[in-house]
N, C-alpha and C. Protein backbone atom coordinates (compact mmCIF):
# COMPACT_ATOMS: atom_id res chain seq x y z
N MET A 1 -62.97 3.83 113.80
CA MET A 1 -62.45 4.05 112.46
C MET A 1 -62.10 2.73 111.77
N ALA A 2 -61.50 1.84 112.53
CA ALA A 2 -61.13 0.54 111.96
C ALA A 2 -62.38 -0.24 111.55
N ARG A 3 -63.45 -0.06 112.30
CA ARG A 3 -64.69 -0.78 111.98
C ARG A 3 -65.24 -0.31 110.63
N ILE A 4 -65.16 0.97 110.34
CA ILE A 4 -65.65 1.52 109.07
C ILE A 4 -64.79 1.02 107.91
N VAL A 5 -63.47 1.03 108.12
CA VAL A 5 -62.56 0.56 107.07
C VAL A 5 -62.80 -0.92 106.77
N LEU A 6 -62.93 -1.72 107.82
CA LEU A 6 -63.18 -3.15 107.60
C LEU A 6 -64.54 -3.40 106.97
N SER A 7 -65.53 -2.58 107.29
CA SER A 7 -66.84 -2.72 106.65
C SER A 7 -66.75 -2.42 105.16
N ILE A 8 -66.01 -1.38 104.82
CA ILE A 8 -65.84 -1.03 103.40
C ILE A 8 -65.09 -2.14 102.68
N LEU A 9 -64.04 -2.67 103.30
CA LEU A 9 -63.29 -3.78 102.68
C LEU A 9 -64.18 -5.02 102.51
N GLY A 10 -65.05 -5.28 103.48
CA GLY A 10 -65.97 -6.41 103.38
C GLY A 10 -66.95 -6.24 102.24
N VAL A 11 -67.46 -5.03 102.07
CA VAL A 11 -68.39 -4.76 100.96
C VAL A 11 -67.67 -4.91 99.62
N LEU A 12 -66.45 -4.40 99.54
CA LEU A 12 -65.69 -4.54 98.29
C LEU A 12 -65.38 -6.00 97.97
N LEU A 13 -65.04 -6.77 98.99
CA LEU A 13 -64.79 -8.20 98.78
C LEU A 13 -66.06 -8.92 98.34
N ALA A 14 -67.19 -8.57 98.95
CA ALA A 14 -68.46 -9.19 98.56
C ALA A 14 -68.80 -8.85 97.11
N LEU A 15 -68.59 -7.61 96.71
CA LEU A 15 -68.86 -7.24 95.32
C LEU A 15 -67.93 -7.97 94.36
N TYR A 16 -66.66 -8.13 94.76
CA TYR A 16 -65.72 -8.87 93.93
C TYR A 16 -66.17 -10.33 93.76
N VAL A 17 -66.61 -10.93 94.84
CA VAL A 17 -67.04 -12.33 94.77
C VAL A 17 -68.26 -12.46 93.87
N VAL A 18 -69.22 -11.55 94.03
CA VAL A 18 -70.45 -11.64 93.23
C VAL A 18 -70.16 -11.41 91.75
N PHE A 19 -69.45 -10.32 91.44
CA PHE A 19 -69.25 -9.96 90.03
C PHE A 19 -68.07 -10.70 89.41
N GLY A 20 -67.14 -11.18 90.19
CA GLY A 20 -65.97 -11.84 89.63
C GLY A 20 -66.07 -13.35 89.60
N LEU A 21 -66.86 -13.93 90.48
CA LEU A 21 -66.91 -15.38 90.57
C LEU A 21 -68.31 -15.96 90.32
N VAL A 22 -69.32 -15.40 90.95
CA VAL A 22 -70.66 -16.01 90.91
C VAL A 22 -71.32 -15.79 89.55
N ILE A 23 -71.34 -14.55 89.07
CA ILE A 23 -72.03 -14.26 87.81
C ILE A 23 -71.37 -14.97 86.62
N PRO A 24 -70.03 -14.96 86.48
CA PRO A 24 -69.44 -15.74 85.38
C PRO A 24 -69.71 -17.25 85.49
N ALA A 25 -69.76 -17.76 86.71
CA ALA A 25 -70.06 -19.18 86.88
C ALA A 25 -71.48 -19.49 86.42
N ILE A 26 -72.43 -18.62 86.75
CA ILE A 26 -73.82 -18.83 86.32
C ILE A 26 -73.91 -18.78 84.80
N PHE A 27 -73.24 -17.81 84.16
CA PHE A 27 -73.28 -17.74 82.70
C PHE A 27 -72.60 -18.96 82.07
N GLY A 28 -71.55 -19.46 82.68
CA GLY A 28 -70.90 -20.66 82.17
C GLY A 28 -71.82 -21.87 82.22
N VAL A 29 -72.53 -22.03 83.33
CA VAL A 29 -73.47 -23.15 83.45
C VAL A 29 -74.61 -23.00 82.44
N LEU A 30 -75.14 -21.78 82.27
CA LEU A 30 -76.22 -21.56 81.31
C LEU A 30 -75.75 -21.84 79.89
N LYS A 31 -74.52 -21.46 79.56
CA LYS A 31 -73.99 -21.74 78.23
C LYS A 31 -73.86 -23.24 78.01
N PHE A 32 -73.39 -23.96 79.03
CA PHE A 32 -73.28 -25.42 78.94
C PHE A 32 -74.64 -26.06 78.74
N VAL A 33 -75.63 -25.63 79.50
CA VAL A 33 -76.99 -26.18 79.37
C VAL A 33 -77.57 -25.87 78.00
N LEU A 34 -77.31 -24.68 77.47
CA LEU A 34 -77.80 -24.31 76.15
C LEU A 34 -77.18 -25.20 75.07
N ILE A 35 -75.90 -25.48 75.18
CA ILE A 35 -75.23 -26.35 74.20
C ILE A 35 -75.81 -27.76 74.27
N ILE A 36 -76.03 -28.28 75.46
CA ILE A 36 -76.64 -29.61 75.62
C ILE A 36 -78.04 -29.63 75.03
N ALA A 37 -78.81 -28.56 75.23
CA ALA A 37 -80.17 -28.50 74.69
C ALA A 37 -80.16 -28.48 73.16
N VAL A 38 -79.23 -27.74 72.57
CA VAL A 38 -79.14 -27.69 71.11
C VAL A 38 -78.75 -29.05 70.55
N ILE A 39 -77.81 -29.74 71.19
CA ILE A 39 -77.42 -31.08 70.74
C ILE A 39 -78.59 -32.04 70.87
N GLY A 40 -79.34 -31.96 71.95
CA GLY A 40 -80.52 -32.81 72.12
C GLY A 40 -81.59 -32.52 71.08
N PHE A 41 -81.81 -31.25 70.77
CA PHE A 41 -82.79 -30.90 69.75
C PHE A 41 -82.39 -31.44 68.39
N VAL A 42 -81.12 -31.31 68.04
CA VAL A 42 -80.65 -31.83 66.75
C VAL A 42 -80.79 -33.34 66.69
N ALA A 43 -80.50 -34.04 67.79
CA ALA A 43 -80.63 -35.50 67.81
C ALA A 43 -82.09 -35.92 67.65
N VAL A 44 -83.00 -35.26 68.37
CA VAL A 44 -84.42 -35.61 68.25
C VAL A 44 -84.94 -35.29 66.86
N ALA A 45 -84.54 -34.16 66.30
CA ALA A 45 -84.98 -33.81 64.95
C ALA A 45 -84.45 -34.80 63.93
N ALA A 46 -83.21 -35.24 64.07
CA ALA A 46 -82.64 -36.20 63.13
C ALA A 46 -83.37 -37.53 63.21
N VAL A 47 -83.65 -38.00 64.41
CA VAL A 47 -84.37 -39.27 64.57
C VAL A 47 -85.78 -39.15 64.01
N THR A 48 -86.44 -38.03 64.22
CA THR A 48 -87.78 -37.83 63.69
C THR A 48 -87.78 -37.81 62.17
N VAL A 49 -86.84 -37.10 61.57
CA VAL A 49 -86.78 -37.03 60.10
C VAL A 49 -86.47 -38.39 59.51
N VAL A 50 -85.51 -39.11 60.08
CA VAL A 50 -85.17 -40.44 59.57
C VAL A 50 -86.35 -41.39 59.74
N GLY A 51 -87.06 -41.30 60.85
CA GLY A 51 -88.23 -42.15 61.07
C GLY A 51 -89.35 -41.88 60.09
N ARG A 52 -89.56 -40.65 59.73
CA ARG A 52 -90.65 -40.34 58.79
C ARG A 52 -90.25 -40.66 57.35
N LEU A 53 -88.99 -40.54 57.02
CA LEU A 53 -88.57 -40.84 55.65
C LEU A 53 -88.46 -42.33 55.37
N SER A 54 -88.34 -43.15 56.40
CA SER A 54 -88.17 -44.59 56.18
C SER A 54 -89.50 -45.31 55.95
N LYS A 55 -90.61 -44.62 56.11
CA LYS A 55 -91.91 -45.29 55.91
C LYS A 55 -92.25 -45.46 54.46
């Protein structure tokens, strides 16, 4: 009986770790990468526009 209870507690803890810690961390990293990509795109676009207008 104790083995079944501990197995259920282990599964619940694993689900908590996956849905409470891992998935939000992945979304946080993706949001950070997206913000860096947008800043890089704006910088490249600004340099390209300034370079073409200065000719």
